[in-house]
């Protein structure tokens, strides 16, 4: 059975109502990812705070991070507009569908990125500013262009993807220590099963756009499944490490073990079957895993 696809008729931004245009500019920022980044930053702030959480400082860090994340997401969509136009799951995004011009999208993303960096420097601290610079540069100018060249782009992209918790820690402490990198390692390792599940589900789409994800260059999936299981196994001790470094109470460790074990089980099922439904189950497990682990960390803070 073949799927039917509705033809996309490009429309210029001026032909849309202002509410529809606002919705498109909002979508350009990848809001789901922005909320995940803000959540990770908030957890980093909470765990790094000495005593009670400073409301004003935290709010400033979260607002600056949200601006930077939104601008980074918009800049990514601008950079990948050609690839997005070739993929079924992204061809209706605002730029490839013709609802926002590339020029307008670039200007919008540049303003957001600039505002986020300036806010970090002036309202938070210099360390957060430099963490933000590293995040933007590594995501948009290293990870994004390498997606069409090497499957190693996934690992490189996981570095800026794990920076939000570090950003929150830096905002509260003004420095980075081992416990900040514990939070980094959790978010870094979590991304591999999450993104490989997506890549396995949409490998034909990625191949059509010339994006060299691991499932594209090795259709058998053996290496993809090994990567998923390896990173999930490493995530088990990484998720428990907060209890060993003073970030969380002792009772946190067994609960983190159970949660990580459930995430691993979803990866094992995919590795055994290689089926799209099990890849979707792994994706769902990843979406539930991180907020639940964050909730445990917040509750278990000494």
Protein backbone atom coordinates (compact mmCIF):
# COMPACT_ATOMS: atom_id res chain seq x y z
CA UNK A 1 0.00 0.00 0.00
CA UNK A 2 1.47 3.36 -0.98
CA UNK A 3 0.99 6.57 0.94
CA UNK A 4 -0.64 9.54 -0.75
CA UNK A 5 1.05 12.88 -0.31
CA UNK A 6 -0.68 16.21 -0.73
CA UNK A 7 1.14 18.61 -3.03
CA UNK A 8 2.57 21.62 -1.24
CA UNK A 9 1.76 24.96 -2.82
CA UNK A 10 4.34 27.56 -1.69
CA UNK A 11 2.89 30.71 -0.22
CA UNK A 12 4.72 33.90 0.57
CA UNK A 13 4.57 35.19 4.12
CA UNK A 14 2.68 38.30 3.07
CA UNK A 15 -0.26 36.23 1.83
CA UNK A 16 -0.94 34.85 5.30
CA UNK A 17 -2.83 36.38 8.18
CA UNK A 18 -0.71 37.83 10.95
CA UNK A 19 -1.70 35.06 13.39
CA UNK A 20 -0.60 32.42 10.90
CA UNK A 21 2.67 34.27 10.33
CA UNK A 22 3.30 34.43 14.07
CA UNK A 23 2.63 30.69 14.30
CA UNK A 24 5.15 30.04 11.53
CA UNK A 25 7.83 32.15 13.19
CA UNK A 26 7.10 30.32 16.43
CA UNK A 27 7.45 26.95 14.67
CA UNK A 28 10.72 28.11 13.13
CA UNK A 29 12.30 28.12 16.60
CA UNK A 30 11.60 24.39 17.15
CA UNK A 31 9.57 25.10 20.32
CA UNK A 32 9.50 21.49 21.56
CA UNK A 33 13.30 21.47 21.66
CA UNK A 34 13.35 24.92 23.25
CA UNK A 35 11.17 23.70 26.12
CA UNK A 36 13.44 20.67 26.62
CA UNK A 37 16.48 22.96 26.72
CA UNK A 38 14.83 25.33 29.19
CA UNK A 39 13.83 22.38 31.38
CA UNK A 40 17.42 21.05 31.38
CA UNK A 41 18.78 24.51 32.20
CA UNK A 42 16.29 24.89 35.06
CA UNK A 43 17.39 21.55 36.53
CA UNK A 44 21.02 22.65 36.29
CA UNK A 45 20.14 25.91 38.08
CA UNK A 46 18.24 24.12 40.83
CA UNK A 47 20.95 21.55 41.53
CA UNK A 48 23.72 24.17 41.49
CA UNK A 49 21.96 26.63 43.79
CA UNK A 50 23.41 27.05 47.27
CA UNK A 51 20.40 26.81 49.53
CA UNK A 52 17.17 28.20 48.08
CA UNK A 53 16.95 28.93 44.38
CA UNK A 54 17.51 32.60 43.48
CA UNK A 55 14.36 33.46 41.52
CA UNK A 56 15.62 36.52 39.64
CA UNK A 57 18.94 34.97 38.59
CA UNK A 58 17.20 31.79 37.51
CA UNK A 59 14.58 33.65 35.48
CA UNK A 60 17.28 35.63 33.69
CA UNK A 61 19.25 32.48 32.88
CA UNK A 62 16.13 30.72 31.56
CA UNK A 63 15.04 33.67 29.44
CA UNK A 64 18.49 34.09 27.93
CA UNK A 65 18.73 30.36 27.26
CA UNK A 66 15.29 30.32 25.65
CA UNK A 67 16.24 33.17 23.31
CA UNK A 68 19.50 31.46 22.38
CA UNK A 69 17.83 28.07 21.86
CA UNK A 70 15.08 29.61 19.73
CA UNK A 71 17.61 31.42 17.57
CA UNK A 72 19.74 28.31 17.21
CA UNK A 73 16.73 26.26 16.13
CA UNK A 74 15.67 28.89 13.59
CA UNK A 75 19.21 29.15 12.24
CA UNK A 76 19.28 25.37 11.88
CA UNK A 77 16.08 25.41 9.83
CA UNK A 78 17.54 28.16 7.65
CA UNK A 79 20.72 26.13 7.10
CA UNK A 80 18.83 22.93 6.29
CA UNK A 81 16.08 24.41 4.11
CA UNK A 82 17.20 22.40 1.06
CA UNK A 83 17.33 19.12 2.97
CA UNK A 84 14.00 19.86 4.66
CA UNK A 85 12.37 20.40 1.25
CA UNK A 86 13.39 16.87 0.22
CA UNK A 87 12.06 15.06 3.30
CA UNK A 88 8.41 14.15 3.70
CA UNK A 89 8.36 14.83 7.43
CA UNK A 90 9.90 18.32 7.11
CA UNK A 91 8.74 19.62 3.72
CA UNK A 92 5.85 21.51 5.33
CA UNK A 93 8.12 23.54 7.60
CA UNK A 94 7.81 27.31 7.09
CA UNK A 95 10.87 27.85 4.87
CA UNK A 96 10.59 24.90 2.42
CA UNK A 97 6.82 25.45 2.17
CA UNK A 98 7.45 29.07 1.18
CA UNK A 99 5.67 30.71 4.10
CA UNK A 100 8.85 32.40 5.39
CA UNK A 101 11.60 33.57 3.07
CA UNK A 102 15.18 32.43 3.72
CA UNK A 103 16.25 36.06 4.13
CA UNK A 104 13.59 36.75 6.76
CA UNK A 105 14.37 33.49 8.57
CA UNK A 106 18.08 34.29 8.73
CA UNK A 107 17.45 37.79 10.08
CA UNK A 108 15.01 36.46 12.66
CA UNK A 109 17.43 33.78 13.86
CA UNK A 110 20.33 36.23 13.99
CA UNK A 111 18.34 38.63 16.18
CA UNK A 112 17.35 35.86 18.58
CA UNK A 113 20.87 34.43 18.83
CA UNK A 114 22.34 37.90 19.32
CA UNK A 115 19.77 38.80 21.96
CA UNK A 116 20.38 35.56 23.83
CA UNK A 117 24.16 35.99 23.87
CA UNK A 118 24.00 39.64 24.91
CA UNK A 119 21.52 38.79 27.67
CA UNK A 120 23.78 36.00 28.94
CA UNK A 121 26.77 38.36 29.04
CA UNK A 122 25.02 41.32 30.66
CA UNK A 123 22.41 39.70 32.92
CA UNK A 124 23.93 36.32 33.82
CA UNK A 125 27.73 35.96 33.64
CA UNK A 126 30.68 35.68 31.26
CA UNK A 127 30.99 31.90 31.67
CA UNK A 128 27.39 31.41 30.54
CA UNK A 129 28.08 33.67 27.58
CA UNK A 130 31.02 31.53 26.45
CA UNK A 131 29.06 28.31 26.99
CA UNK A 132 26.40 29.86 24.76
CA UNK A 133 28.95 30.77 22.09
CA UNK A 134 30.36 27.24 22.08
CA UNK A 135 26.84 25.82 21.82
CA UNK A 136 25.79 27.99 18.87
CA UNK A 137 29.04 27.51 16.96
CA UNK A 138 29.29 23.75 17.50
CA UNK A 139 25.62 23.14 16.66
CA UNK A 140 25.22 25.37 13.61
CA UNK A 141 28.71 25.46 12.15
CA UNK A 142 30.06 21.99 13.02
CA UNK A 143 27.18 19.57 13.57
CA UNK A 144 24.73 20.90 10.97
CA UNK A 145 27.06 20.99 7.92
CA UNK A 146 28.57 17.61 8.84
CA UNK A 147 25.18 15.87 8.72
CA UNK A 148 25.52 15.47 4.95
CA UNK A 149 29.13 14.30 5.21
CA UNK A 150 29.56 11.83 8.08
CA UNK A 151 27.52 9.79 10.56
CA UNK A 152 29.85 11.08 13.27
CA UNK A 153 27.77 14.25 13.19
CA UNK A 154 25.38 12.62 15.68
CA UNK A 155 28.10 12.37 18.32
CA UNK A 156 29.33 15.88 17.59
CA UNK A 157 25.78 17.24 17.81
CA UNK A 158 25.29 15.60 21.18
CA UNK A 159 27.89 17.97 22.67
CA UNK A 160 25.92 21.22 22.20
CA UNK A 161 22.78 19.22 22.93
CA UNK A 162 24.11 18.44 26.41
CA UNK A 163 25.10 22.02 27.25
CA UNK A 164 21.81 23.32 28.74
CA UNK A 165 22.36 21.71 32.15
CA UNK A 166 25.91 23.06 32.12
CA UNK A 167 24.48 26.49 31.30
CA UNK A 168 22.21 26.32 34.34
CA UNK A 169 25.06 25.25 36.58
CA UNK A 170 27.30 28.03 35.32
CA UNK A 171 24.53 30.59 35.86
CA UNK A 172 24.32 29.74 39.57
CA UNK A 173 27.95 28.92 40.37
CA UNK A 174 29.94 31.01 37.92
CA UNK A 175 32.24 28.02 37.49
CA UNK A 176 32.14 24.40 36.34
CA UNK A 177 33.17 21.38 38.39
CA UNK A 178 32.80 17.59 38.22
CA UNK A 179 29.13 17.63 39.21
CA UNK A 180 28.27 19.89 36.27
CA UNK A 181 29.84 17.33 33.95
CA UNK A 182 27.80 14.56 35.58
CA UNK A 183 24.68 16.39 34.39
CA UNK A 184 26.32 16.88 30.99
CA UNK A 185 27.04 13.15 30.67
CA UNK A 186 23.42 12.20 31.38
CA UNK A 187 22.04 14.48 28.70
CA UNK A 188 24.85 13.61 26.28
CA UNK A 189 24.23 9.85 26.46
CA UNK A 190 20.43 10.18 26.48
CA UNK A 191 20.49 11.75 23.02
CA UNK A 192 21.93 8.77 21.13
CA UNK A 193 19.01 6.33 21.55
CA UNK A 194 16.58 9.22 21.08
CA UNK A 195 18.00 10.41 17.76
CA UNK A 196 18.91 6.96 16.45
CA UNK A 197 15.31 5.87 17.00
CA UNK A 198 14.18 8.83 14.87
CA UNK A 199 16.85 8.09 12.26
CA UNK A 200 15.80 4.43 12.06
CA UNK A 201 12.14 5.36 11.59
CA UNK A 202 12.91 7.94 8.89
CA UNK A 203 16.04 6.49 7.28
CA UNK A 204 14.53 6.60 3.78
CA UNK A 205 13.69 10.27 4.28
CA UNK A 206 17.21 11.04 5.47
CA UNK A 207 18.67 9.16 2.50
CA UNK A 208 16.49 11.17 0.12
CA UNK A 209 17.91 14.40 1.55
CA UNK A 210 21.52 13.17 1.51
CA UNK A 211 21.86 13.18 5.30
CA UNK A 212 24.39 10.53 6.26
CA UNK A 213 22.87 9.18 9.45
CA UNK A 214 24.17 5.79 10.56
CA UNK A 215 20.99 3.91 9.49
CA UNK A 216 21.41 5.44 6.01
CA UNK A 217 24.99 4.35 5.40
CA UNK A 218 24.38 0.93 6.99
CA UNK A 219 20.79 -0.15 6.21
CA UNK A 220 21.13 -3.43 8.14
CA UNK A 221 20.97 -1.45 11.38
CA UNK A 222 23.60 -3.52 13.18
CA UNK A 223 25.83 -0.56 14.04
CA UNK A 224 22.84 1.62 14.89
CA UNK A 225 21.56 -0.93 17.36
CA UNK A 226 25.03 -1.37 18.88
CA UNK A 227 25.31 2.39 19.34
CA UNK A 228 21.91 2.52 21.01
CA UNK A 229 22.69 -0.29 23.44
CA UNK A 230 26.23 0.94 24.20
CA UNK A 231 25.08 4.44 25.09
CA UNK A 232 22.15 3.13 27.12
CA UNK A 233 24.47 0.86 29.10
CA UNK A 234 26.75 3.83 29.80
CA UNK A 235 23.72 5.89 30.77
CA UNK A 236 22.89 3.50 33.63
CA UNK A 237 25.89 4.43 35.83
CA UNK A 238 25.81 8.03 34.56
CA UNK A 239 22.21 8.37 35.73
CA UNK A 240 23.13 7.00 39.16
CA UNK A 241 26.23 9.21 39.52
CA UNK A 242 24.37 12.16 41.12
CA UNK A 243 23.89 10.01 44.24
CA UNK A 244 27.61 9.29 44.34
CA UNK A 245 28.67 12.92 43.90
CA UNK A 246 26.37 14.58 46.40
CA UNK A 247 23.87 15.95 43.89
CA UNK A 248 21.13 13.59 45.09
CA UNK A 249 20.23 11.57 48.17
CA UNK A 250 21.20 7.91 48.37
CA UNK A 251 17.67 6.65 47.65
CA UNK A 252 17.83 8.28 44.22
CA UNK A 253 20.32 5.69 42.87
CA UNK A 254 18.08 2.57 42.82
CA UNK A 255 15.21 4.53 41.29
CA UNK A 256 17.52 5.91 38.61
CA UNK A 257 18.70 2.35 37.98
CA UNK A 258 15.12 1.13 37.48
CA UNK A 259 14.28 4.02 35.17
CA UNK A 260 17.43 3.56 33.09
CA UNK A 261 16.78 -0.18 32.98
CA UNK A 262 13.35 0.45 31.47
CA UNK A 263 14.89 2.73 28.86
CA UNK A 264 17.47 0.05 28.08
CA UNK A 265 14.75 -2.58 27.70
CA UNK A 266 13.15 -0.51 24.94
CA UNK A 267 16.52 -0.37 23.18
CA UNK A 268 16.95 -4.15 23.47
CA UNK A 269 13.54 -4.73 21.88
CA UNK A 270 14.48 -2.56 18.92
CA UNK A 271 17.87 -4.28 18.54
CA UNK A 272 16.17 -7.68 18.45
CA UNK A 273 13.40 -6.81 15.99
CA UNK A 274 14.64 -3.83 13.99
CA UNK A 275 11.00 -2.86 13.53
CA UNK A 276 9.63 0.65 13.08
CA UNK A 277 7.04 0.14 15.87
CA UNK A 278 9.80 -0.75 18.33
CA UNK A 279 11.80 2.30 17.17
CA UNK A 280 8.72 4.39 17.91
CA UNK A 281 8.45 2.75 21.34
CA UNK A 282 12.09 3.64 22.04
CA UNK A 283 11.42 7.22 20.99
CA UNK A 284 8.46 7.39 23.38
CA UNK A 285 10.58 5.88 26.16
CA UNK A 286 13.24 8.55 25.62
CA UNK A 287 10.63 11.31 25.81
CA UNK A 288 9.35 9.99 29.15
CA UNK A 289 12.74 9.04 30.56
CA UNK A 290 14.41 12.45 30.76
CA UNK A 291 11.61 14.42 32.52
CA UNK A 292 11.13 11.56 34.98
CA UNK A 293 14.84 11.43 35.77
CA UNK A 294 14.88 15.21 36.18
CA UNK A 295 11.93 14.98 38.56
CA UNK A 296 13.80 12.41 40.64
CA UNK A 297 16.87 14.66 40.73
CA UNK A 298 14.84 17.64 41.90
CA UNK A 299 13.04 15.66 44.60
CA UNK A 300 16.22 13.90 45.75
CA UNK A 301 18.34 17.03 46.06
CA UNK A 302 19.92 16.96 49.55
